PDB file of N, CA and C in Angstrom:
ATOM      1  N   MET A   1      35.757  47.567  68.556  1.00  0.00           N
ATOM      2  CA  MET A   1      35.735  48.972  68.221  1.00  0.00           C
ATOM      3  C   MET A   1      34.375  49.553  68.637  1.00  0.00           C
ATOM      4  N   ILE A   2      34.417  50.747  69.179  1.00  0.00           N
ATOM      5  CA  ILE A   2      33.207  51.403  69.660  1.00  0.00           C
ATOM      6  C   ILE A   2      32.489  52.077  68.491  1.00  0.00           C
ATOM      7  N   SER A   3      31.231  51.767  68.392  1.00  0.00           N
ATOM      8  CA  SER A   3      30.424  52.342  67.326  1.00  0.00           C
ATOM      9  C   SER A   3      29.734  53.605  67.853  1.00  0.00           C
ATOM     10  N   TYR A   4      29.909  54.701  67.135  1.00  0.00           N
ATOM     11  CA  TYR A   4      29.272  55.952  67.544  1.00  0.00           C
ATOM     12  C   TYR A   4      27.755  55.862  67.440  1.00  0.00           C
ATOM     13  N   LYS A   5      27.295  55.055  66.509  1.00  0.00           N
ATOM     14  CA  LYS A   5      25.857  54.863  66.359  1.00  0.00           C
ATOM     15  C   LYS A   5      25.283  54.194  67.607  1.00  0.00           C
ATOM     16  N   LYS A   6      25.996  53.202  68.138  1.00  0.00           N
ATOM     17  CA  LYS A   6      25.546  52.499  69.337  1.00  0.00           C
ATOM     18  C   LYS A   6      25.574  53.439  70.551  1.00  0.00           C
ATOM     19  N   ILE A   7      26.603  54.258  70.655  1.00  0.00           N
ATOM     20  CA  ILE A   7      26.698  55.226  71.754  1.00  0.00           C
ATOM     21  C   ILE A   7      25.554  56.226  71.674  1.00  0.00           C
ATOM     22  N   PHE A   8      25.242  56.687  70.472  1.00  0.00           N
ATOM     23  CA  PHE A   8      24.133  57.623  70.285  1.00  0.00           C
ATOM     24  C   PHE A   8      22.812  56.991  70.703  1.00  0.00           C
ATOM     25  N   HIS A   9      22.586  55.754  70.320  1.00  0.00           N
ATOM     26  CA  HIS A   9      21.349  55.066  70.687  1.00  0.00           C
ATOM     27  C   HIS A   9      21.239  54.888  72.196  1.00  0.00           C
ATOM     28  N   ILE A  10      22.330  54.543  72.841  1.00  0.00           N
ATOM     29  CA  ILE A  10      22.326  54.400  74.300  1.00  0.00           C
ATOM     30  C   ILE A  10      22.045  55.747  74.956  1.00  0.00           C
ATOM     31  N   PHE A  11      22.643  56.812  74.427  1.00  0.00           N
ATOM     32  CA  PHE A  11      22.430  58.149  74.966  1.00  0.00           C
ATOM     33  C   PHE A  11      20.969  58.572  74.816  1.00  0.00           C
ATOM     34  N   VAL A  12      20.372  58.344  73.666  1.00  0.00           N
ATOM     35  CA  VAL A  12      18.970  58.695  73.432  1.00  0.00           C
ATOM     36  C   VAL A  12      18.067  57.860  74.334  1.00  0.00           C
ATOM     37  N   PHE A  13      18.369  56.577  74.488  1.00  0.00           N
ATOM     38  CA  PHE A  13      17.591  55.711  75.373  1.00  0.00           C
ATOM     39  C   PHE A  13      17.688  56.212  76.825  1.00  0.00           C
ATOM     40  N   PHE A  14      18.880  56.607  77.253  1.00  0.00           N
ATOM     41  CA  PHE A  14      19.075  57.161  78.599  1.00  0.00           C
ATOM     42  C   PHE A  14      18.262  58.442  78.778  1.00  0.00           C
ATOM     43  N   LEU A  15      18.251  59.308  77.786  1.00  0.00           N
ATOM     44  CA  LEU A  15      17.460  60.529  77.861  1.00  0.00           C
ATOM     45  C   LEU A  15      15.974  60.218  77.957  1.00  0.00           C
ATOM     46  N   PHE A  16      15.521  59.243  77.195  1.00  0.00           N
ATOM     47  CA  PHE A  16      14.110  58.861  77.218  1.00  0.00           C
ATOM     48  C   PHE A  16      13.708  58.298  78.577  1.00  0.00           C
ATOM     49  N   ILE A  17      14.511  57.412  79.122  1.00  0.00           N
ATOM     50  CA  ILE A  17      14.229  56.840  80.442  1.00  0.00           C
ATOM     51  C   ILE A  17      14.255  57.929  81.502  1.00  0.00           C
ATOM     52  N   SER A  18      15.216  58.844  81.421  1.00  0.00           N
ATOM     53  CA  SER A  18      15.294  59.957  82.376  1.00  0.00           C
ATOM     54  C   SER A  18      14.045  60.825  82.293  1.00  0.00           C
ATOM     55  N   PHE A  19      13.604  61.099  81.086  1.00  0.00           N
ATOM     56  CA  PHE A  19      12.392  61.882  80.903  1.00  0.00           C
ATOM     57  C   PHE A  19      11.193  61.184  81.537  1.00  0.00           C
ATOM     58  N   LEU A  20      11.051  59.884  81.293  1.00  0.00           N
ATOM     59  CA  LEU A  20       9.922  59.145  81.851  1.00  0.00           C
ATOM     60  C   LEU A  20       9.942  59.153  83.376  1.00  0.00           C
ATOM     61  N   VAL A  21      11.116  58.959  83.970  1.00  0.00           N
ATOM     62  CA  VAL A  21      11.223  58.951  85.432  1.00  0.00           C
ATOM     63  C   VAL A  21      10.834  60.316  85.991  1.00  0.00           C
ATOM     64  N   LEU A  22      11.366  61.366  85.420  1.00  0.00           N
ATOM     65  CA  LEU A  22      11.049  62.709  85.903  1.00  0.00           C
ATOM     66  C   LEU A  22       9.587  63.054  85.658  1.00  0.00           C
ATOM     67  N   TYR A  23       9.061  62.665  84.527  1.00  0.00           N
ATOM     68  CA  TYR A  23       7.678  62.967  84.202  1.00  0.00           C
ATOM     69  C   TYR A  23       6.718  62.294  85.180  1.00  0.00           C
ATOM     70  N   PHE A  24       6.930  60.996  85.406  1.00  0.00           N
ATOM     71  CA  PHE A  24       6.004  60.278  86.281  1.00  0.00           C
ATOM     72  C   PHE A  24       6.154  60.702  87.737  1.00  0.00           C
ATOM     73  N   SER A  25       7.362  61.021  88.169  1.00  0.00           N
ATOM     74  CA  SER A  25       7.507  61.496  89.548  1.00  0.00           C
ATOM     75  C   SER A  25       6.831  62.851  89.710  1.00  0.00           C
ATOM     76  N   SER A  26       6.952  63.681  88.718  1.00  0.00           N
ATOM     77  CA  SER A  26       6.281  64.980  88.759  1.00  0.00           C
ATOM     78  C   SER A  26       4.772  64.809  88.716  1.00  0.00           C
ATOM     79  N   ALA A  27       4.312  63.929  87.851  1.00  0.00           N
ATOM     80  CA  ALA A  27       2.871  63.711  87.733  1.00  0.00           C
ATOM     81  C   ALA A  27       2.291  63.141  89.020  1.00  0.00           C
ATOM     82  N   ASN A  28       2.985  62.228  89.642  1.00  0.00           N
ATOM     83  CA  ASN A  28       2.490  61.651  90.889  1.00  0.00           C
ATOM     84  C   ASN A  28       2.479  62.676  92.012  1.00  0.00           C
ATOM     85  N   GLY A  29       3.475  63.502  92.084  1.00  0.00           N
ATOM     86  CA  GLY A  29       3.491  64.549  93.103  1.00  0.00           C
ATOM     87  C   GLY A  29       2.381  65.557  92.883  1.00  0.00           C
ATOM     88  N   TYR A  30       2.139  65.882  91.651  1.00  0.00           N
ATOM     89  CA  TYR A  30       1.077  66.825  91.332  1.00  0.00           C
ATOM     90  C   TYR A  30      -0.280  66.247  91.705  1.00  0.00           C
ATOM     91  N   TYR A  31      -0.489  64.999  91.388  1.00  0.00           N
ATOM     92  CA  TYR A  31      -1.761  64.349  91.708  1.00  0.00           C
ATOM     93  C   TYR A  31      -1.954  64.287  93.219  1.00  0.00           C
ATOM     94  N   GLU A  32      -0.912  63.964  93.956  1.00  0.00           N
ATOM     95  CA  GLU A  32      -1.004  63.906  95.419  1.00  0.00           C
ATOM     96  C   GLU A  32      -1.312  65.281  95.997  1.00  0.00           C
ATOM     97  N   ASP A  33      -0.704  66.293  95.432  1.00  0.00           N
ATOM     98  CA  ASP A  33      -0.957  67.660  95.907  1.00  0.00           C
ATOM     99  C   ASP A  33      -2.414  68.053  95.671  1.00  0.00           C
ATOM    100  N   LEU A  34      -2.954  67.679  94.522  1.00  0.00           N
ATOM    101  CA  LEU A  34      -4.364  67.974  94.251  1.00  0.00           C
ATOM    102  C   LEU A  34      -5.273  67.261  95.243  1.00  0.00           C
ATOM    103  N   ASN A  35      -4.948  66.031  95.571  1.00  0.00           N
ATOM    104  CA  ASN A  35      -5.756  65.289  96.537  1.00  0.00           C
ATOM    105  C   ASN A  35      -5.683  65.913  97.919  1.00  0.00           C
ATOM    106  N   ASN A  36      -4.532  66.441  98.296  1.00  0.00           N
ATOM    107  CA  ASN A  36      -4.405  67.076  99.607  1.00  0.00           C
ATOM    108  C   ASN A  36      -5.208  68.369  99.689  1.00  0.00           C
ATOM    109  N   LYS A  37      -5.348  69.052  98.574  1.00  0.00           N
ATOM    110  CA  LYS A  37      -6.066  70.320  98.579  1.00  0.00           C
ATOM    111  C   LYS A  37      -7.581  70.133  98.600  1.00  0.00           C
ATOM    112  N   LYS A  38      -8.023  68.937  98.210  1.00  0.00           N
ATOM    113  CA  LYS A  38      -9.461  68.676  98.244  1.00  0.00           C
ATOM    114  C   LYS A  38      -9.924  68.618  99.692  1.00  0.00           C
ATOM    115  N   SER A  39     -11.116  69.031  99.898  1.00  0.00           N
ATOM    116  CA  SER A  39     -11.670  68.944 101.245  1.00  0.00           C
ATOM    117  C   SER A  39     -12.849  68.001 101.229  1.00  0.00           C
ATOM    118  N   SER A  40     -13.124  67.453 102.371  1.00  0.00           N
ATOM    119  CA  SER A  40     -14.211  66.483 102.437  1.00  0.00           C
ATOM    120  C   SER A  40     -15.131  66.792 103.611  1.00  0.00           C
ATOM    121  N   LEU A  41     -16.322  66.314 103.499  1.00  0.00           N
ATOM    122  CA  LEU A  41     -17.305  66.465 104.565  1.00  0.00           C
ATOM    123  C   LEU A  41     -17.461  65.131 105.272  1.00  0.00           C
ATOM    124  N   THR A  42     -17.479  65.167 106.585  1.00  0.00           N
ATOM    125  CA  THR A  42     -17.723  63.944 107.343  1.00  0.00           C
ATOM    126  C   THR A  42     -19.213  63.820 107.608  1.00  0.00           C
ATOM    127  N   GLU A  43     -19.616  62.635 107.977  1.00  0.00           N
ATOM    128  CA  GLU A  43     -21.033  62.390 108.265  1.00  0.00           C
ATOM    129  C   GLU A  43     -21.524  63.287 109.399  1.00  0.00           C
ATOM    130  N   GLU A  44     -20.681  63.466 110.413  1.00  0.00           N
ATOM    131  CA  GLU A  44     -21.075  64.310 111.552  1.00  0.00           C
ATOM    132  C   GLU A  44     -21.303  65.755 111.118  1.00  0.00           C
ATOM    133  N   LYS A  45     -20.430  66.243 110.273  1.00  0.00           N
ATOM    134  CA  LYS A  45     -20.561  67.631 109.810  1.00  0.00           C
ATOM    135  C   LYS A  45     -21.790  67.790 108.914  1.00  0.00           C
ATOM    136  N   ILE A  46     -22.117  66.764 108.148  1.00  0.00           N
ATOM    137  CA  ILE A  46     -23.315  66.831 107.303  1.00  0.00           C
ATOM    138  C   ILE A  46     -24.562  66.912 108.177  1.00  0.00           C
ATOM    139  N   LYS A  47     -24.611  66.083 109.222  1.00  0.00           N
ATOM    140  CA  LYS A  47     -25.758  66.111 110.132  1.00  0.00           C
ATOM    141  C   LYS A  47     -25.842  67.451 110.863  1.00  0.00           C
ATOM    142  N   GLU A  48     -24.684  67.969 111.262  1.00  0.00           N
ATOM    143  CA  GLU A  48     -24.649  69.274 111.933  1.00  0.00           C
ATOM    144  C   GLU A  48     -25.166  70.365 110.996  1.00  0.00           C
ATOM    145  N   PHE A  49     -24.755  70.291 109.725  1.00  0.00           N
ATOM    146  CA  PHE A  49     -25.204  71.243 108.722  1.00  0.00           C
ATOM    147  C   PHE A  49     -26.721  71.166 108.540  1.00  0.00           C
ATOM    148  N   GLU A  50     -27.254  69.961 108.440  1.00  0.00           N
ATOM    149  CA  GLU A  50     -28.702  69.789 108.271  1.00  0.00           C
ATOM    150  C   GLU A  50     -29.473  70.317 109.480  1.00  0.00           C
ATOM    151  N   ASN A  51     -28.952  70.059 110.678  1.00  0.00           N
ATOM    152  CA  ASN A  51     -29.602  70.570 111.888  1.00  0.00           C
ATOM    153  C   ASN A  51     -29.582  72.094 111.938  1.00  0.00           C
ATOM    154  N   ASP A  52     -28.462  72.687 111.517  1.00  0.00           N
ATOM    155  CA  ASP A  52     -28.371  74.150 111.513  1.00  0.00           C
ATOM    156  C   ASP A  52     -29.354  74.754 110.510  1.00  0.00           C
ATOM    157  N   ILE A  53     -29.556  74.083 109.392  1.00  0.00           N
ATOM    158  CA  ILE A  53     -30.533  74.575 108.407  1.00  0.00           C
ATOM    159  C   ILE A  53     -31.946  74.491 108.987  1.00  0.00           C
ATOM    160  N   LYS A  54     -32.251  73.370 109.650  1.00  0.00           N
ATOM    161  CA  LYS A  54     -33.582  73.194 110.256  1.00  0.00           C
ATOM    162  C   LYS A  54     -33.833  74.232 111.345  1.00  0.00           C
ATOM    163  N   ASN A  55     -32.778  74.564 112.102  1.00  0.00           N
ATOM    164  CA  ASN A  55     -32.921  75.521 113.199  1.00  0.00           C
ATOM    165  C   ASN A  55     -32.835  76.967 112.722  1.00  0.00           C
ATOM    166  N   GLY A  56     -32.489  77.184 111.456  1.00  0.00           N
ATOM    167  CA  GLY A  56     -32.442  78.534 110.906  1.00  0.00           C
ATOM    168  C   GLY A  56     -31.204  79.318 111.317  1.00  0.00           C
ATOM    169  N   LYS A  57     -30.130  78.630 111.676  1.00  0.00           N
ATOM    170  CA  LYS A  57     -28.888  79.316 112.061  1.00  0.00           C
ATOM    171  C   LYS A  57     -28.173  79.870 110.832  1.00  0.00           C
ATOM    172  N   LYS A  58     -27.324  80.860 111.087  1.00  0.00           N
ATOM    173  CA  LYS A  58     -26.507  81.423 110.017  1.00  0.00           C
ATOM    174  C   LYS A  58     -25.448  80.381 109.645  1.00  0.00           C
ATOM    175  N   ILE A  59     -25.280  80.158 108.349  1.00  0.00           N
ATOM    176  CA  ILE A  59     -24.402  79.080 107.882  1.00  0.00           C
ATOM    177  C   ILE A  59     -23.123  79.665 107.292  1.00  0.00           C
ATOM    178  N   ASN A  60     -21.990  79.108 107.743  1.00  0.00           N
ATOM    179  CA  ASN A  60     -20.676  79.460 107.218  1.00  0.00           C
ATOM    180  C   ASN A  60     -20.024  78.159 106.740  1.00  0.00           C
ATOM    181  N   VAL A  61     -19.569  78.124 105.515  1.00  0.00           N
ATOM    182  CA  VAL A  61     -19.048  76.896 104.916  1.00  0.00           C
ATOM    183  C   VAL A  61     -17.829  76.373 105.675  1.00  0.00           C
ATOM    184  N   GLU A  62     -16.973  77.262 106.168  1.00  0.00           N
ATOM    185  CA  GLU A  62     -15.757  76.829 106.859  1.00  0.00           C
ATOM    186  C   GLU A  62     -16.055  76.034 108.131  1.00  0.00           C
ATOM    187  N   ASP A  63     -17.244  76.174 108.678  1.00  0.00           N
ATOM    188  CA  ASP A  63     -17.600  75.433 109.885  1.00  0.00           C
ATOM    189  C   ASP A  63     -17.848  73.953 109.599  1.00  0.00           C
ATOM    190  N   TYR A  64     -18.106  73.608 108.353  1.00  0.00           N
ATOM    191  CA  TYR A  64     -18.491  72.246 108.019  1.00  0.00           C
ATOM    192  C   TYR A  64     -17.459  71.497 107.184  1.00  0.00           C
ATOM    193  N   VAL A  65     -16.523  72.198 106.606  1.00  0.00           N
ATOM    194  CA  VAL A  65     -15.530  71.571 105.741  1.00  0.00           C
ATOM    195  C   VAL A  65     -14.330  71.137 106.586  1.00  0.00           C
ATOM    196  N   VAL A  66     -13.916  69.895 106.377  1.00  0.00           N
ATOM    197  CA  VAL A  66     -12.752  69.361 107.091  1.00  0.00           C
ATOM    198  C   VAL A  66     -11.654  69.137 106.065  1.00  0.00           C
ATOM    199  N   ASN A  67     -10.519  69.793 106.242  1.00  0.00           N
ATOM    200  CA  ASN A  67      -9.388  69.601 105.337  1.00  0.00           C
ATOM    201  C   ASN A  67      -8.609  68.366 105.764  1.00  0.00           C
ATOM    202  N   VAL A  68      -8.455  67.453 104.837  1.00  0.00           N
ATOM    203  CA  VAL A  68      -7.728  66.222 105.118  1.00  0.00           C
ATOM    204  C   VAL A  68      -6.375  66.324 104.438  1.00  0.00           C
ATOM    205  N   LYS A  69      -5.312  66.339 105.233  1.00  0.00           N
ATOM    206  CA  LYS A  69      -3.968  66.390 104.685  1.00  0.00           C
ATOM    207  C   LYS A  69      -3.120  65.382 105.441  1.00  0.00           C
ATOM    208  N   LYS A  70      -2.640  64.382 104.721  1.00  0.00           N
ATOM    209  CA  LYS A  70      -1.823  63.351 105.333  1.00  0.00           C
ATOM    210  C   LYS A  70      -0.366  63.610 104.999  1.00  0.00           C
ATOM    211  N   ASP A  71       0.488  63.351 105.954  1.00  0.00           N
ATOM    212  CA  ASP A  71       1.924  63.507 105.749  1.00  0.00           C
ATOM    213  C   ASP A  71       2.524  62.127 105.511  1.00  0.00           C
ATOM    214  N   TYR A  72       2.946  61.867 104.295  1.00  0.00           N
ATOM    215  CA  TYR A  72       3.497  60.574 103.938  1.00  0.00           C
ATOM    216  C   TYR A  72       5.016  60.566 103.965  1.00  0.00           C
ATOM    217  N   SER A  73       5.617  61.622 104.433  1.00  0.00           N
ATOM    218  CA  SER A  73       7.068  61.698 104.371  1.00  0.00           C
ATOM    219  C   SER A  73       7.706  60.746 105.385  1.00  0.00           C
ATOM    220  N   ASN A  74       8.788  60.133 104.940  1.00  0.00           N
ATOM    221  CA  ASN A  74       9.618  59.291 105.793  1.00  0.00           C
ATOM    222  C   ASN A  74      11.028  59.340 105.233  1.00  0.00           C
ATOM    223  N   ILE A  75      11.913  58.544 105.773  1.00  0.00           N
ATOM    224  CA  ILE A  75      13.312  58.588 105.354  1.00  0.00           C
ATOM    225  C   ILE A  75      13.452  58.220 103.883  1.00  0.00           C
ATOM    226  N   VAL A  76      12.723  57.205 103.452  1.00  0.00           N
ATOM    227  CA  VAL A  76      12.833  56.752 102.063  1.00  0.00           C
ATOM    228  C   VAL A  76      12.303  57.809 101.097  1.00  0.00           C
ATOM    229  N   SER A  77      11.154  58.408 101.412  1.00  0.00           N
ATOM    230  CA  SER A  77      10.600  59.420 100.504  1.00  0.00           C
ATOM    231  C   SER A  77      11.461  60.682 100.494  1.00  0.00           C
ATOM    232  N   ASP A  78      12.023  61.043 101.649  1.00  0.00           N
ATOM    233  CA  ASP A  78      12.930  62.200 101.684  1.00  0.00           C
ATOM    234  C   ASP A  78      14.179  61.948 100.843  1.00  0.00           C
ATOM    235  N   PHE A  79      14.715  60.725 100.936  1.00  0.00           N
ATOM    236  CA  PHE A  79      15.877  60.377 100.122  1.00  0.00           C
ATOM    237  C   PHE A  79      15.518  60.381  98.641  1.00  0.00           C
ATOM    238  N   GLY A  80      14.340  59.866  98.307  1.00  0.00           N
ATOM    239  CA  GLY A  80      13.894  59.869  96.914  1.00  0.00           C
ATOM    240  C   GLY A  80      13.737  61.274  96.378  1.00  0.00           C
ATOM    241  N   LEU A  81      13.182  62.165  97.200  1.00  0.00           N
ATOM    242  CA  LEU A  81      13.027  63.555  96.786  1.00  0.00           C
ATOM    243  C   LEU A  81      14.378  64.222  96.590  1.00  0.00           C
ATOM    244  N   PHE A  82      15.311  63.976  97.527  1.00  0.00           N
ATOM    245  CA  PHE A  82      16.655  64.539  97.413  1.00  0.00           C
ATOM    246  C   PHE A  82      17.337  64.030  96.140  1.00  0.00           C
ATOM    247  N   THR A  83      17.240  62.724  95.900  1.00  0.00           N
ATOM    248  CA  THR A  83      17.859  62.131  94.714  1.00  0.00           C
ATOM    249  C   THR A  83      17.243  62.685  93.442  1.00  0.00           C
ATOM    250  N   SER A  84      15.931  62.796  93.419  1.00  0.00           N
ATOM    251  CA  SER A  84      15.246  63.322  92.244  1.00  0.00           C
ATOM    252  C   SER A  84      15.648  64.768  91.968  1.00  0.00           C
ATOM    253  N   ASN A  85      15.701  65.589  93.016  1.00  0.00           N
ATOM    254  CA  ASN A  85      16.097  66.987  92.844  1.00  0.00           C
ATOM    255  C   ASN A  85      17.535  67.103  92.362  1.00  0.00           C
ATOM    256  N   ALA A  86      18.441  66.286  92.936  1.00  0.00           N
ATOM    257  CA  ALA A  86      19.849  66.322  92.525  1.00  0.00           C
ATOM    258  C   ALA A  86      19.975  65.869  91.073  1.00  0.00           C
ATOM    259  N   PHE A  87      19.278  64.806  90.726  1.00  0.00           N
ATOM    260  CA  PHE A  87      19.326  64.304  89.357  1.00  0.00           C
ATOM    261  C   PHE A  87      18.811  65.358  88.384  1.00  0.00           C
ATOM    262  N   ALA A  88      17.699  65.991  88.726  1.00  0.00           N
ATOM    263  CA  ALA A  88      17.121  67.010  87.852  1.00  0.00           C
ATOM    264  C   ALA A  88      18.075  68.196  87.690  1.00  0.00           C
ATOM    265  N   LYS A  89      18.723  68.582  88.790  1.00  0.00           N
ATOM    266  CA  LYS A  89      19.652  69.718  88.754  1.00  0.00           C
ATOM    267  C   LYS A  89      20.828  69.430  87.816  1.00  0.00           C
ATOM    268  N   TYR A  90      21.468  68.263  87.978  1.00  0.00           N
ATOM    269  CA  TYR A  90      22.631  67.942  87.156  1.00  0.00           C
ATOM    270  C   TYR A  90      22.234  67.575  85.726  1.00  0.00           C
ATOM    271  N   PHE A  91      21.063  67.013  85.554  1.00  0.00           N
ATOM    272  CA  PHE A  91      20.569  66.726  84.217  1.00  0.00           C
ATOM    273  C   PHE A  91      20.356  68.026  83.451  1.00  0.00           C
ATOM    274  N   LYS A  92      19.794  69.028  84.131  1.00  0.00           N
ATOM    275  CA  LYS A  92      19.571  70.325  83.494  1.00  0.00           C
ATOM    276  C   LYS A  92      20.902  70.970  83.123  1.00  0.00           C
ATOM    277  N   LYS A  93      21.868  70.915  84.039  1.00  0.00           N
ATOM    278  CA  LYS A  93      23.188  71.480  83.737  1.00  0.00           C
ATOM    279  C   LYS A  93      23.827  70.775  82.549  1.00  0.00           C
ATOM    280  N   GLY A  94      23.728  69.441  82.536  1.00  0.00           N
ATOM    281  CA  GLY A  94      24.309  68.672  81.438  1.00  0.00           C
ATOM    282  C   GLY A  94      23.659  68.997  80.105  1.00  0.00           C
ATOM    283  N   MET A  95      22.347  69.122  80.097  1.00  0.00           N
ATOM    284  CA  MET A  95      21.639  69.448  78.855  1.00  0.00           C
ATOM    285  C   MET A  95      21.996  70.858  78.380  1.00  0.00           C
ATOM    286  N   ASN A  96      22.123  71.797  79.335  1.00  0.00           N
ATOM    287  CA  ASN A  96      22.507  73.155  78.953  1.00  0.00           C
ATOM    288  C   ASN A  96      23.902  73.173  78.340  1.00  0.00           C
ATOM    289  N   LYS A  97      24.841  72.410  78.921  1.00  0.00           N
ATOM    290  CA  LYS A  97      26.192  72.353  78.361  1.00  0.00           C
ATOM    291  C   LYS A  97      26.194  71.666  77.000  1.00  0.00           C
ATOM    292  N   LEU A  98      25.431  70.579  76.893  1.00  0.00           N
ATOM    293  CA  LEU A  98      25.380  69.845  75.633  1.00  0.00           C
ATOM    294  C   LEU A  98      24.834  70.724  74.515  1.00  0.00           C
ATOM    295  N   PHE A  99      23.695  71.353  74.750  1.00  0.00           N
ATOM    296  CA  PHE A  99      23.104  72.172  73.698  1.00  0.00           C
ATOM    297  C   PHE A  99      23.852  73.495  73.512  1.00  0.00           C
ATOM    298  N   GLY A 100      24.535  73.954  74.563  1.00  0.00           N
ATOM    299  CA  GLY A 100      25.406  75.119  74.391  1.00  0.00           C
ATOM    300  C   GLY A 100      26.561  74.795  73.458  1.00  0.00           C
ATOM    301  N   GLY A 101      27.121  73.580  73.615  1.00  0.00           N
ATOM    302  CA  GLY A 101      28.200  73.142  72.710  1.00  0.00           C
ATOM    303  C   GLY A 101      27.698  72.968  71.297  1.00  0.00           C
ATOM    304  N   VAL A 102      26.509  72.398  71.140  1.00  0.00           N
ATOM    305  CA  VAL A 102      25.938  72.237  69.809  1.00  0.00           C
ATOM    306  C   VAL A 102      25.678  73.601  69.188  1.00  0.00           C
ATOM    307  N   ASP A 103      25.202  74.544  69.993  1.00  0.00           N
ATOM    308  CA  ASP A 103      24.952  75.896  69.509  1.00  0.00           C
ATOM    309  C   ASP A 103      26.249  76.550  69.028  1.00  0.00           C
ATOM    310  N   LYS A 104      27.339  76.370  69.787  1.00  0.00           N
ATOM    311  CA  LYS A 104      28.635  76.948  69.379  1.00  0.00           C
ATOM    312  C   LYS A 104      29.118  76.338  68.078  1.00  0.00           C
ATOM    313  N   MET A 105      28.942  75.010  67.938  1.00  0.00           N
ATOM    314  CA  MET A 105      29.390  74.348  66.710  1.00  0.00           C
ATOM    315  C   MET A 105      28.575  74.811  65.501  1.00  0.00           C
ATOM    316  N   VAL A 106      27.283  74.993  65.693  1.00  0.00           N
ATOM    317  CA  VAL A 106      26.417  75.395  64.576  1.00  0.00           C
ATOM    318  C   VAL A 106      26.698  76.837  64.182  1.00  0.00           C
ATOM    319  N   ASN A 107      26.895  77.708  65.159  1.00  0.00           N
ATOM    320  CA  ASN A 107      27.057  79.127  64.877  1.00  0.00           C
ATOM    321  C   ASN A 107      28.475  79.500  64.443  1.00  0.00           C
ATOM    322  N   ASN A 108      29.442  78.607  64.626  1.00  0.00           N
ATOM    323  CA  ASN A 108      30.813  78.929  64.188  1.00  0.00           C
ATOM    324  C   ASN A 108      31.039  78.563  62.789  1.00  0.00           C
TER     325      ASN A 108
END
């Protein structure tokens, strides 16, 4: 015989695991995006900057900053992104239906 308590526990465990997967994938993407937005100075640009200061040239920051942005996308990451987006979309729909049903039961 199926125990409703066991089904509820499995459902809550599934929700928790889903939350963790979505949370960490979001957190990792956010961290990667922050790293891509950072800019770095190369040794050559630092020396060029120092020489320009010694020579008294007008200094513009954009001339010395090098934006480093790597593209890590491949077939596997594209599939992972597609799967994550699809999962998030249907998970959201399912949660809206679930809580919409609970709302109807409570308000009736």
